[in-house]
């Protein structure tokens, strides 16, 4: 997982791959697409576990702020907010239809016959099964989540570095206390 995450993920989408079935295709800044033999929900759970993000709590926190609580952007960091877009029609009940695109790599949107094309860096194009106004609403939700996530950033109070306020364990290793804004 760490190997994939270090390659700057631009998007991950569910795809049916011949002779492999329901897979997740990961588009990165550094390589050709990576195809994982995993359901997209499994990939999302793994990526959230790596970033120590509770997806249920995140959805609860932002559901009242975004346009559609069922299409919740996933904030992994203040720079990596993944916006969901419908990228395929599922063949079976539990197959995912949503792909996720890192909003910092989206350069432009174009419309055509009920399908919106997301133009990303490196000339990557991802087709979405929605009209352009729906895609713009999803982008707006991404910006809302990004701003809220940025406001929750962590900081260390300056007075915590005074010698009398630093606690130690194992004799030499300080415990640094971090507060949420």
N, C-alpha and C. Protein backbone atom coordinates (compact mmCIF):
# COMPACT_ATOMS: atom_id res chain seq x y z
N UNK A 1 0.83 -1.20 0.00
CA UNK A 1 0.00 0.00 0.00
C UNK A 1 0.87 1.26 0.00
N UNK A 2 1.89 1.28 0.84
CA UNK A 2 2.77 2.45 0.93
C UNK A 2 3.44 2.73 -0.41
N UNK A 3 3.81 1.68 -1.13
CA UNK A 3 4.44 1.82 -2.44
C UNK A 3 3.51 2.56 -3.41
N UNK A 4 2.23 2.24 -3.39
CA UNK A 4 1.26 2.89 -4.27
C UNK A 4 1.05 4.34 -3.84
N UNK A 5 0.92 4.57 -2.54
CA UNK A 5 0.63 5.91 -2.04
C UNK A 5 1.77 6.89 -2.28
N UNK A 6 2.98 6.41 -2.37
CA UNK A 6 4.12 7.29 -2.63
C UNK A 6 4.20 7.74 -4.08
N UNK A 7 3.36 7.21 -4.94
CA UNK A 7 3.40 7.56 -6.36
C UNK A 7 2.43 8.67 -6.74
N UNK A 8 1.91 9.40 -5.77
CA UNK A 8 1.01 10.53 -6.01
C UNK A 8 -0.23 10.09 -6.79
N UNK A 9 -1.20 9.58 -6.09
CA UNK A 9 -2.43 9.08 -6.71
C UNK A 9 -3.25 10.24 -7.25
N UNK A 10 -3.57 10.16 -8.54
CA UNK A 10 -4.42 11.15 -9.18
C UNK A 10 -5.88 10.71 -9.15
N UNK A 11 -6.13 9.40 -9.27
CA UNK A 11 -7.50 8.89 -9.26
C UNK A 11 -7.46 7.38 -9.05
N UNK A 12 -8.57 6.84 -8.54
CA UNK A 12 -8.77 5.39 -8.52
C UNK A 12 -10.23 5.13 -8.85
N UNK A 13 -10.42 4.22 -9.79
CA UNK A 13 -11.76 3.95 -10.32
C UNK A 13 -12.01 2.44 -10.39
N UNK A 14 -13.28 2.05 -10.22
CA UNK A 14 -13.60 0.63 -10.38
C UNK A 14 -13.70 0.28 -11.86
N UNK A 15 -13.20 -0.86 -12.23
CA UNK A 15 -13.27 -1.31 -13.64
C UNK A 15 -13.43 -2.81 -13.69
N UNK A 16 -14.14 -3.26 -14.72
CA UNK A 16 -14.21 -4.69 -14.99
C UNK A 16 -13.08 -5.02 -15.96
N UNK A 17 -12.17 -5.88 -15.52
CA UNK A 17 -11.02 -6.25 -16.34
C UNK A 17 -11.22 -7.70 -16.79
N UNK A 18 -11.05 -7.90 -18.09
CA UNK A 18 -11.24 -9.24 -18.66
C UNK A 18 -10.32 -10.25 -17.98
N UNK A 19 -10.87 -11.40 -17.66
CA UNK A 19 -10.19 -12.51 -17.00
C UNK A 19 -9.74 -12.19 -15.56
N UNK A 20 -10.11 -11.04 -15.04
CA UNK A 20 -9.76 -10.69 -13.65
C UNK A 20 -10.99 -10.28 -12.86
N UNK A 21 -12.00 -9.75 -13.51
CA UNK A 21 -13.23 -9.37 -12.83
C UNK A 21 -13.23 -7.94 -12.34
N UNK A 22 -13.88 -7.75 -11.19
CA UNK A 22 -14.07 -6.43 -10.61
C UNK A 22 -12.77 -5.96 -9.96
N UNK A 23 -12.12 -4.96 -10.53
CA UNK A 23 -10.81 -4.49 -10.06
C UNK A 23 -10.85 -2.99 -9.78
N UNK A 24 -9.78 -2.51 -9.23
CA UNK A 24 -9.59 -1.07 -9.01
C UNK A 24 -8.38 -0.64 -9.83
N UNK A 25 -8.58 0.36 -10.68
CA UNK A 25 -7.47 0.92 -11.45
C UNK A 25 -7.03 2.22 -10.79
N UNK A 26 -5.73 2.30 -10.53
CA UNK A 26 -5.16 3.47 -9.86
C UNK A 26 -4.30 4.23 -10.85
N UNK A 27 -4.62 5.50 -11.03
CA UNK A 27 -3.84 6.36 -11.91
C UNK A 27 -2.92 7.21 -11.04
N UNK A 28 -1.63 7.12 -11.30
CA UNK A 28 -0.65 7.87 -10.51
C UNK A 28 0.09 8.86 -11.39
N UNK A 29 0.76 9.77 -10.74
CA UNK A 29 1.54 10.80 -11.44
C UNK A 29 2.81 10.20 -12.05
N UNK A 30 3.32 9.11 -11.49
CA UNK A 30 4.62 8.60 -11.88
C UNK A 30 4.62 7.44 -12.86
N UNK A 31 3.56 6.65 -12.92
CA UNK A 31 3.60 5.42 -13.71
C UNK A 31 2.37 5.24 -14.58
N UNK A 32 2.40 4.13 -15.31
CA UNK A 32 1.21 3.68 -16.01
C UNK A 32 0.17 3.28 -14.96
N UNK A 33 -1.10 3.15 -15.35
CA UNK A 33 -2.12 2.74 -14.38
C UNK A 33 -1.79 1.41 -13.71
N UNK A 34 -2.12 1.32 -12.44
CA UNK A 34 -1.92 0.10 -11.66
C UNK A 34 -3.29 -0.55 -11.48
N UNK A 35 -3.39 -1.83 -11.81
CA UNK A 35 -4.65 -2.55 -11.64
C UNK A 35 -4.53 -3.49 -10.45
N UNK A 36 -5.40 -3.27 -9.46
CA UNK A 36 -5.42 -4.13 -8.27
C UNK A 36 -6.62 -5.07 -8.36
N UNK A 37 -6.42 -6.31 -7.99
CA UNK A 37 -7.51 -7.28 -7.98
C UNK A 37 -8.29 -7.15 -6.67
N UNK A 38 -8.70 -5.93 -6.38
CA UNK A 38 -9.46 -5.64 -5.17
C UNK A 38 -10.66 -4.78 -5.52
N UNK A 39 -11.72 -4.99 -4.78
CA UNK A 39 -12.91 -4.16 -4.90
C UNK A 39 -12.54 -2.75 -4.47
N UNK A 40 -13.16 -1.73 -5.04
CA UNK A 40 -12.81 -0.35 -4.71
C UNK A 40 -13.08 -0.03 -3.24
N UNK A 41 -14.12 -0.65 -2.66
CA UNK A 41 -14.41 -0.41 -1.23
C UNK A 41 -13.26 -0.92 -0.36
N UNK A 42 -12.67 -2.04 -0.73
CA UNK A 42 -11.53 -2.58 0.01
C UNK A 42 -10.34 -1.63 -0.10
N UNK A 43 -10.11 -1.10 -1.30
CA UNK A 43 -9.00 -0.16 -1.48
C UNK A 43 -9.22 1.09 -0.64
N UNK A 44 -10.44 1.60 -0.59
CA UNK A 44 -10.74 2.79 0.21
C UNK A 44 -10.50 2.51 1.69
N UNK A 45 -10.96 1.35 2.17
CA UNK A 45 -10.73 1.00 3.57
C UNK A 45 -9.24 0.92 3.88
N UNK A 46 -8.47 0.33 2.97
CA UNK A 46 -7.02 0.21 3.19
C UNK A 46 -6.32 1.56 3.19
N UNK A 47 -6.71 2.43 2.28
CA UNK A 47 -6.08 3.74 2.19
C UNK A 47 -6.43 4.58 3.43
N UNK A 48 -7.66 4.47 3.90
CA UNK A 48 -8.06 5.20 5.12
C UNK A 48 -7.35 4.64 6.35
N UNK A 49 -7.16 3.34 6.38
CA UNK A 49 -6.43 2.73 7.49
C UNK A 49 -4.99 3.22 7.51
N UNK A 50 -4.37 3.33 6.33
CA UNK A 50 -2.99 3.80 6.24
C UNK A 50 -2.88 5.24 6.76
N UNK A 51 -3.85 6.09 6.39
CA UNK A 51 -3.83 7.49 6.81
C UNK A 51 -4.47 7.70 8.19
N UNK A 52 -4.90 6.61 8.83
CA UNK A 52 -5.55 6.65 10.14
C UNK A 52 -6.78 7.56 10.14
N UNK A 53 -7.63 7.34 9.15
CA UNK A 53 -8.85 8.13 9.01
C UNK A 53 -10.05 7.22 9.24
N UNK A 54 -10.94 7.67 10.11
CA UNK A 54 -12.18 6.96 10.38
C UNK A 54 -13.21 7.47 9.38
N UNK A 55 -13.50 6.68 8.37
CA UNK A 55 -14.38 7.10 7.29
C UNK A 55 -15.80 7.37 7.80
N UNK A 56 -16.27 6.59 8.75
CA UNK A 56 -17.62 6.80 9.31
C UNK A 56 -17.69 8.15 10.02
N UNK A 57 -16.70 8.47 10.82
CA UNK A 57 -16.67 9.76 11.52
C UNK A 57 -16.52 10.91 10.55
N UNK A 58 -15.74 10.71 9.51
CA UNK A 58 -15.56 11.75 8.49
C UNK A 58 -16.87 12.03 7.78
N UNK A 59 -17.58 10.98 7.41
CA UNK A 59 -18.88 11.16 6.75
C UNK A 59 -19.87 11.87 7.66
N UNK A 60 -19.87 11.49 8.93
CA UNK A 60 -20.78 12.12 9.89
C UNK A 60 -20.45 13.61 10.04
N UNK A 61 -19.15 13.91 10.11
CA UNK A 61 -18.71 15.29 10.33
C UNK A 61 -19.08 16.22 9.16
N UNK A 62 -18.91 15.74 7.93
CA UNK A 62 -19.10 16.60 6.76
C UNK A 62 -20.44 16.44 6.05
N UNK A 63 -21.27 15.49 6.47
CA UNK A 63 -22.51 15.19 5.72
C UNK A 63 -23.47 16.37 5.68
N UNK A 64 -23.49 17.21 6.70
CA UNK A 64 -24.40 18.35 6.71
C UNK A 64 -23.88 19.53 5.90
N UNK A 65 -22.61 19.47 5.53
CA UNK A 65 -22.00 20.59 4.83
C UNK A 65 -21.99 20.43 3.31
N UNK A 66 -21.91 19.19 2.86
CA UNK A 66 -21.78 18.96 1.42
C UNK A 66 -23.14 18.86 0.75
N UNK A 67 -23.13 18.95 -0.57
CA UNK A 67 -24.37 18.96 -1.34
C UNK A 67 -25.08 17.62 -1.29
N UNK A 68 -24.34 16.53 -1.43
CA UNK A 68 -24.93 15.20 -1.41
C UNK A 68 -24.16 14.32 -0.42
N UNK A 69 -24.77 13.99 0.74
CA UNK A 69 -24.05 13.19 1.72
C UNK A 69 -23.72 11.78 1.24
N UNK A 70 -24.39 11.31 0.22
CA UNK A 70 -24.09 9.98 -0.33
C UNK A 70 -22.87 10.00 -1.25
N UNK A 71 -22.45 11.17 -1.66
CA UNK A 71 -21.29 11.32 -2.55
C UNK A 71 -20.23 12.13 -1.81
N UNK A 72 -19.79 11.61 -0.67
CA UNK A 72 -18.89 12.31 0.23
C UNK A 72 -17.44 12.28 -0.27
N UNK A 73 -16.81 13.45 -0.44
CA UNK A 73 -15.38 13.46 -0.74
C UNK A 73 -14.59 12.84 0.43
N UNK A 74 -13.46 12.24 0.10
CA UNK A 74 -12.62 11.61 1.12
C UNK A 74 -11.36 12.45 1.31
N UNK A 75 -11.22 13.10 2.48
CA UNK A 75 -10.01 13.88 2.75
C UNK A 75 -8.92 13.01 3.35
N UNK A 76 -7.83 12.84 2.63
CA UNK A 76 -6.71 12.08 3.18
C UNK A 76 -5.68 13.00 3.82
N UNK A 77 -5.55 14.20 3.28
CA UNK A 77 -4.67 15.22 3.84
C UNK A 77 -5.21 16.57 3.35
N UNK A 78 -4.59 17.65 3.78
CA UNK A 78 -5.10 18.95 3.32
C UNK A 78 -4.86 19.18 1.83
N UNK A 79 -4.01 18.36 1.21
CA UNK A 79 -3.74 18.48 -0.21
C UNK A 79 -4.44 17.41 -1.04
N UNK A 80 -4.78 16.30 -0.43
CA UNK A 80 -5.34 15.16 -1.15
C UNK A 80 -6.79 14.92 -0.74
N UNK A 81 -7.70 15.54 -1.48
CA UNK A 81 -9.14 15.36 -1.27
C UNK A 81 -9.65 14.63 -2.50
N UNK A 82 -10.21 13.44 -2.29
CA UNK A 82 -10.69 12.62 -3.39
C UNK A 82 -12.20 12.78 -3.54
N UNK A 83 -12.61 13.25 -4.72
CA UNK A 83 -14.01 13.53 -5.01
C UNK A 83 -14.61 12.35 -5.76
N UNK A 84 -15.79 11.87 -5.32
CA UNK A 84 -16.42 10.74 -6.01
C UNK A 84 -17.19 11.18 -7.25
N UNK A 85 -17.07 10.39 -8.29
CA UNK A 85 -17.83 10.58 -9.53
C UNK A 85 -18.28 9.20 -10.00
N UNK A 86 -19.49 9.13 -10.54
CA UNK A 86 -19.96 7.85 -11.08
C UNK A 86 -19.21 7.59 -12.38
N UNK A 87 -18.46 6.49 -12.41
CA UNK A 87 -17.61 6.21 -13.57
C UNK A 87 -18.04 4.97 -14.35
N UNK A 88 -18.99 4.19 -13.82
CA UNK A 88 -19.46 3.01 -14.55
C UNK A 88 -20.84 2.61 -14.04
N UNK A 89 -21.50 1.77 -14.82
CA UNK A 89 -22.76 1.17 -14.41
C UNK A 89 -22.41 -0.21 -13.85
N UNK A 90 -22.72 -0.47 -12.57
CA UNK A 90 -22.35 -1.77 -11.99
C UNK A 90 -23.16 -2.92 -12.59
N UNK A 91 -22.52 -4.07 -12.74
CA UNK A 91 -23.18 -5.25 -13.28
C UNK A 91 -23.88 -6.05 -12.18
N UNK A 92 -23.34 -6.04 -10.97
CA UNK A 92 -23.91 -6.77 -9.85
C UNK A 92 -24.23 -5.80 -8.72
N UNK A 93 -25.02 -6.27 -7.77
CA UNK A 93 -25.53 -5.42 -6.69
C UNK A 93 -24.43 -4.72 -5.89
N UNK A 94 -23.41 -5.42 -5.48
CA UNK A 94 -22.38 -4.84 -4.61
C UNK A 94 -21.17 -4.29 -5.35
N UNK A 95 -21.21 -4.25 -6.65
CA UNK A 95 -20.11 -3.65 -7.41
C UNK A 95 -20.21 -2.13 -7.29
N UNK A 96 -19.11 -1.49 -7.04
CA UNK A 96 -19.11 -0.04 -6.90
C UNK A 96 -19.24 0.66 -8.25
N UNK A 97 -19.84 1.83 -8.24
CA UNK A 97 -19.96 2.62 -9.46
C UNK A 97 -19.15 3.91 -9.36
N UNK A 98 -18.69 4.24 -8.16
CA UNK A 98 -17.99 5.51 -7.95
C UNK A 98 -16.48 5.36 -8.06
N UNK A 99 -15.89 6.25 -8.85
CA UNK A 99 -14.46 6.41 -8.89
C UNK A 99 -14.12 7.67 -8.11
N UNK A 100 -12.90 7.79 -7.65
CA UNK A 100 -12.48 8.94 -6.85
C UNK A 100 -11.30 9.63 -7.50
N UNK A 101 -11.41 10.96 -7.63
CA UNK A 101 -10.40 11.75 -8.31
C UNK A 101 -9.84 12.78 -7.33
N UNK A 102 -8.51 12.84 -7.26
CA UNK A 102 -7.83 13.81 -6.40
C UNK A 102 -8.05 15.20 -7.00
N UNK A 103 -8.71 16.06 -6.25
CA UNK A 103 -9.13 17.35 -6.81
C UNK A 103 -7.95 18.25 -7.20
N UNK A 104 -6.78 18.03 -6.62
CA UNK A 104 -5.67 18.91 -6.98
C UNK A 104 -5.12 18.64 -8.38
N UNK A 105 -5.47 17.50 -8.96
CA UNK A 105 -5.00 17.18 -10.31
C UNK A 105 -6.03 17.47 -11.40
N UNK A 106 -7.24 17.89 -11.02
CA UNK A 106 -8.27 18.21 -12.01
C UNK A 106 -7.97 19.58 -12.61
N UNK A 107 -7.83 19.62 -13.93
CA UNK A 107 -7.51 20.86 -14.62
C UNK A 107 -8.73 21.48 -15.30
N UNK A 108 -9.64 20.62 -15.78
CA UNK A 108 -10.77 21.13 -16.55
C UNK A 108 -11.87 20.08 -16.60
N UNK A 109 -13.08 20.52 -16.91
CA UNK A 109 -14.22 19.64 -17.14
C UNK A 109 -14.78 19.94 -18.52
N UNK A 110 -15.23 18.90 -19.22
CA UNK A 110 -15.91 19.13 -20.50
C UNK A 110 -17.15 18.25 -20.56
N UNK A 111 -18.14 18.71 -21.30
CA UNK A 111 -19.44 18.06 -21.34
C UNK A 111 -19.70 17.48 -22.72
N UNK A 112 -20.43 16.36 -22.74
CA UNK A 112 -20.82 15.77 -24.01
C UNK A 112 -21.83 14.66 -23.83
N UNK A 113 -23.06 14.87 -24.26
CA UNK A 113 -24.13 13.86 -24.25
C UNK A 113 -24.33 13.20 -22.89
N UNK A 114 -24.44 13.96 -21.84
CA UNK A 114 -24.68 13.41 -20.51
C UNK A 114 -23.47 12.78 -19.86
N UNK A 115 -22.34 12.86 -20.52
CA UNK A 115 -21.09 12.34 -19.96
C UNK A 115 -20.14 13.51 -19.78
N UNK A 116 -19.57 13.61 -18.61
CA UNK A 116 -18.60 14.66 -18.34
C UNK A 116 -17.20 14.04 -18.34
N UNK A 117 -16.29 14.71 -18.99
CA UNK A 117 -14.89 14.25 -19.01
C UNK A 117 -14.08 15.13 -18.08
N UNK A 118 -13.38 14.48 -17.14
CA UNK A 118 -12.47 15.18 -16.25
C UNK A 118 -11.09 15.17 -16.89
N UNK A 119 -10.53 16.34 -17.10
CA UNK A 119 -9.19 16.45 -17.68
C UNK A 119 -8.22 16.68 -16.52
N UNK A 120 -7.32 15.71 -16.34
CA UNK A 120 -6.35 15.77 -15.26
C UNK A 120 -4.97 16.11 -15.82
N UNK A 121 -4.03 16.30 -14.93
CA UNK A 121 -2.64 16.53 -15.36
C UNK A 121 -2.15 15.33 -16.17
N UNK A 122 -1.10 15.53 -16.93
CA UNK A 122 -0.49 14.50 -17.77
C UNK A 122 -1.46 13.97 -18.83
N UNK A 123 -2.39 14.80 -19.27
CA UNK A 123 -3.36 14.47 -20.32
C UNK A 123 -4.22 13.26 -20.00
N UNK A 124 -4.43 12.97 -18.74
CA UNK A 124 -5.30 11.87 -18.34
C UNK A 124 -6.75 12.35 -18.39
N UNK A 125 -7.62 11.54 -18.96
CA UNK A 125 -9.05 11.87 -19.05
C UNK A 125 -9.84 10.74 -18.41
N UNK A 126 -10.78 11.12 -17.56
CA UNK A 126 -11.67 10.16 -16.92
C UNK A 126 -13.10 10.55 -17.24
N UNK A 127 -13.85 9.60 -17.79
CA UNK A 127 -15.25 9.85 -18.14
C UNK A 127 -16.14 9.56 -16.94
N UNK A 128 -17.09 10.48 -16.71
CA UNK A 128 -18.04 10.35 -15.61
C UNK A 128 -19.45 10.28 -16.17
N UNK A 129 -20.28 9.46 -15.57
CA UNK A 129 -21.65 9.28 -16.04
C UNK A 129 -22.58 10.28 -15.34
N UNK A 130 -22.30 11.56 -15.57
CA UNK A 130 -23.13 12.63 -15.03
C UNK A 130 -23.00 13.84 -15.94
N UNK A 131 -23.90 14.79 -15.78
CA UNK A 131 -23.77 16.01 -16.57
C UNK A 131 -22.78 16.95 -15.88
N UNK A 132 -22.43 18.00 -16.57
CA UNK A 132 -21.37 18.88 -16.07
C UNK A 132 -21.80 19.65 -14.81
N UNK A 133 -23.09 19.96 -14.69
CA UNK A 133 -23.54 20.67 -13.48
C UNK A 133 -23.41 19.79 -12.24
N UNK A 134 -23.68 18.49 -12.37
CA UNK A 134 -23.50 17.56 -11.26
C UNK A 134 -22.02 17.45 -10.90
N UNK A 135 -21.17 17.39 -11.91
CA UNK A 135 -19.72 17.32 -11.67
C UNK A 135 -19.24 18.57 -10.95
N UNK A 136 -19.76 19.72 -11.32
CA UNK A 136 -19.37 20.97 -10.65
C UNK A 136 -19.84 20.98 -9.19
N UNK A 137 -21.03 20.43 -8.94
CA UNK A 137 -21.51 20.33 -7.55
C UNK A 137 -20.59 19.45 -6.73
N UNK A 138 -20.13 18.35 -7.33
CA UNK A 138 -19.19 17.47 -6.63
C UNK A 138 -17.87 18.20 -6.34
N UNK A 139 -17.41 18.98 -7.30
CA UNK A 139 -16.20 19.78 -7.09
C UNK A 139 -16.40 20.77 -5.94
N UNK A 140 -17.58 21.37 -5.89
CA UNK A 140 -17.88 22.32 -4.81
C UNK A 140 -17.84 21.62 -3.45
N UNK A 141 -18.40 20.42 -3.38
CA UNK A 141 -18.35 19.64 -2.13
C UNK A 141 -16.90 19.36 -1.74
N UNK A 142 -16.06 19.07 -2.74
CA UNK A 142 -14.65 18.84 -2.47
C UNK A 142 -13.97 20.06 -1.87
N UNK A 143 -14.29 21.24 -2.39
CA UNK A 143 -13.71 22.47 -1.85
C UNK A 143 -14.19 22.74 -0.43
N UNK A 144 -15.45 22.43 -0.15
CA UNK A 144 -15.99 22.61 1.20
C UNK A 144 -15.24 21.72 2.18
N UNK A 145 -15.10 20.44 1.83
CA UNK A 145 -14.40 19.49 2.70
C UNK A 145 -12.94 19.90 2.86
N UNK A 146 -12.31 20.35 1.77
CA UNK A 146 -10.91 20.77 1.84
C UNK A 146 -10.73 21.93 2.83
N UNK A 147 -11.61 22.92 2.75
CA UNK A 147 -11.50 24.07 3.65
C UNK A 147 -11.76 23.67 5.10
N UNK A 148 -12.72 22.80 5.34
CA UNK A 148 -12.99 22.34 6.70
C UNK A 148 -11.84 21.50 7.23
N UNK A 149 -11.27 20.65 6.38
CA UNK A 149 -10.16 19.80 6.79
C UNK A 149 -8.93 20.65 7.12
N UNK A 150 -8.70 21.68 6.31
CA UNK A 150 -7.57 22.57 6.53
C UNK A 150 -7.70 23.30 7.87
N UNK A 151 -8.93 23.70 8.22
CA UNK A 151 -9.16 24.41 9.48
C UNK A 151 -8.96 23.52 10.70
N UNK A 152 -9.00 22.20 10.51
CA UNK A 152 -8.82 21.27 11.62
C UNK A 152 -7.37 20.86 11.79
N UNK A 153 -6.46 21.51 11.10
CA UNK A 153 -5.06 21.09 11.16
C UNK A 153 -4.53 21.15 12.59
N UNK A 154 -3.54 20.33 12.84
CA UNK A 154 -2.99 20.21 14.18
C UNK A 154 -1.82 21.18 14.36
N UNK A 155 -1.64 21.62 15.59
CA UNK A 155 -0.49 22.46 15.90
C UNK A 155 -0.01 22.15 17.31
N UNK A 156 1.20 22.52 17.60
CA UNK A 156 1.77 22.35 18.94
C UNK A 156 1.87 23.74 19.56
N UNK A 157 1.32 23.88 20.74
CA UNK A 157 1.36 25.17 21.42
C UNK A 157 2.81 25.51 21.75
N UNK A 158 3.18 26.78 21.56
CA UNK A 158 4.57 27.20 21.79
C UNK A 158 5.01 26.95 23.22
N UNK A 159 4.12 27.15 24.18
CA UNK A 159 4.54 26.99 25.58
C UNK A 159 4.81 25.54 25.95
N UNK A 160 4.48 24.60 25.07
CA UNK A 160 4.77 23.19 25.35
C UNK A 160 6.27 22.90 25.26
N UNK A 161 7.04 23.79 24.65
CA UNK A 161 8.46 23.54 24.50
C UNK A 161 9.30 24.07 25.65
N UNK A 162 8.67 24.72 26.62
CA UNK A 162 9.41 25.14 27.81
C UNK A 162 9.78 23.90 28.60
N UNK A 163 10.99 23.86 29.09
CA UNK A 163 11.50 22.66 29.77
C UNK A 163 10.59 22.15 30.89
N UNK A 164 9.98 23.08 31.64
CA UNK A 164 9.17 22.61 32.77
C UNK A 164 7.86 21.96 32.33
N UNK A 165 7.45 22.17 31.07
CA UNK A 165 6.19 21.61 30.57
C UNK A 165 6.37 20.35 29.74
N UNK A 166 7.60 19.94 29.48
CA UNK A 166 7.82 18.74 28.68
C UNK A 166 7.91 17.54 29.60
N UNK A 167 7.12 16.54 29.29
CA UNK A 167 7.13 15.31 30.06
C UNK A 167 8.01 14.30 29.34
N UNK A 168 8.62 13.38 30.09
CA UNK A 168 9.52 12.41 29.49
C UNK A 168 9.09 10.99 29.84
N UNK A 169 9.37 10.08 28.91
CA UNK A 169 9.26 8.66 29.21
C UNK A 169 10.54 8.02 28.71
N UNK A 170 10.91 6.89 29.22
CA UNK A 170 12.18 6.23 28.88
C UNK A 170 13.35 7.21 29.02
N UNK A 171 13.32 8.04 30.01
CA UNK A 171 14.36 8.98 30.40
C UNK A 171 14.64 10.10 29.41
N UNK A 172 14.96 9.82 28.15
CA UNK A 172 15.41 10.88 27.24
C UNK A 172 14.40 11.28 26.17
N UNK A 173 13.33 10.53 25.98
CA UNK A 173 12.42 10.79 24.88
C UNK A 173 11.25 11.67 25.35
N UNK A 174 11.10 12.88 24.79
CA UNK A 174 10.02 13.77 25.24
C UNK A 174 8.67 13.33 24.67
N UNK A 175 7.63 13.63 25.42
CA UNK A 175 6.26 13.46 24.95
C UNK A 175 5.81 14.84 24.49
N UNK A 176 5.45 14.98 23.24
CA UNK A 176 4.98 16.25 22.72
C UNK A 176 3.46 16.22 22.72
N UNK A 177 2.84 17.25 23.29
CA UNK A 177 1.40 17.32 23.38
C UNK A 177 0.88 18.17 22.22
N UNK A 178 -0.06 17.63 21.47
CA UNK A 178 -0.61 18.32 20.30
C UNK A 178 -2.09 18.58 20.55
N UNK A 179 -2.52 19.79 20.25
CA UNK A 179 -3.91 20.18 20.44
C UNK A 179 -4.56 20.43 19.09
N UNK A 180 -5.86 20.14 19.02
CA UNK A 180 -6.61 20.44 17.80
C UNK A 180 -7.10 21.87 17.90
N UNK A 181 -7.02 22.63 16.79
CA UNK A 181 -7.51 24.01 16.77
C UNK A 181 -8.98 24.05 17.07
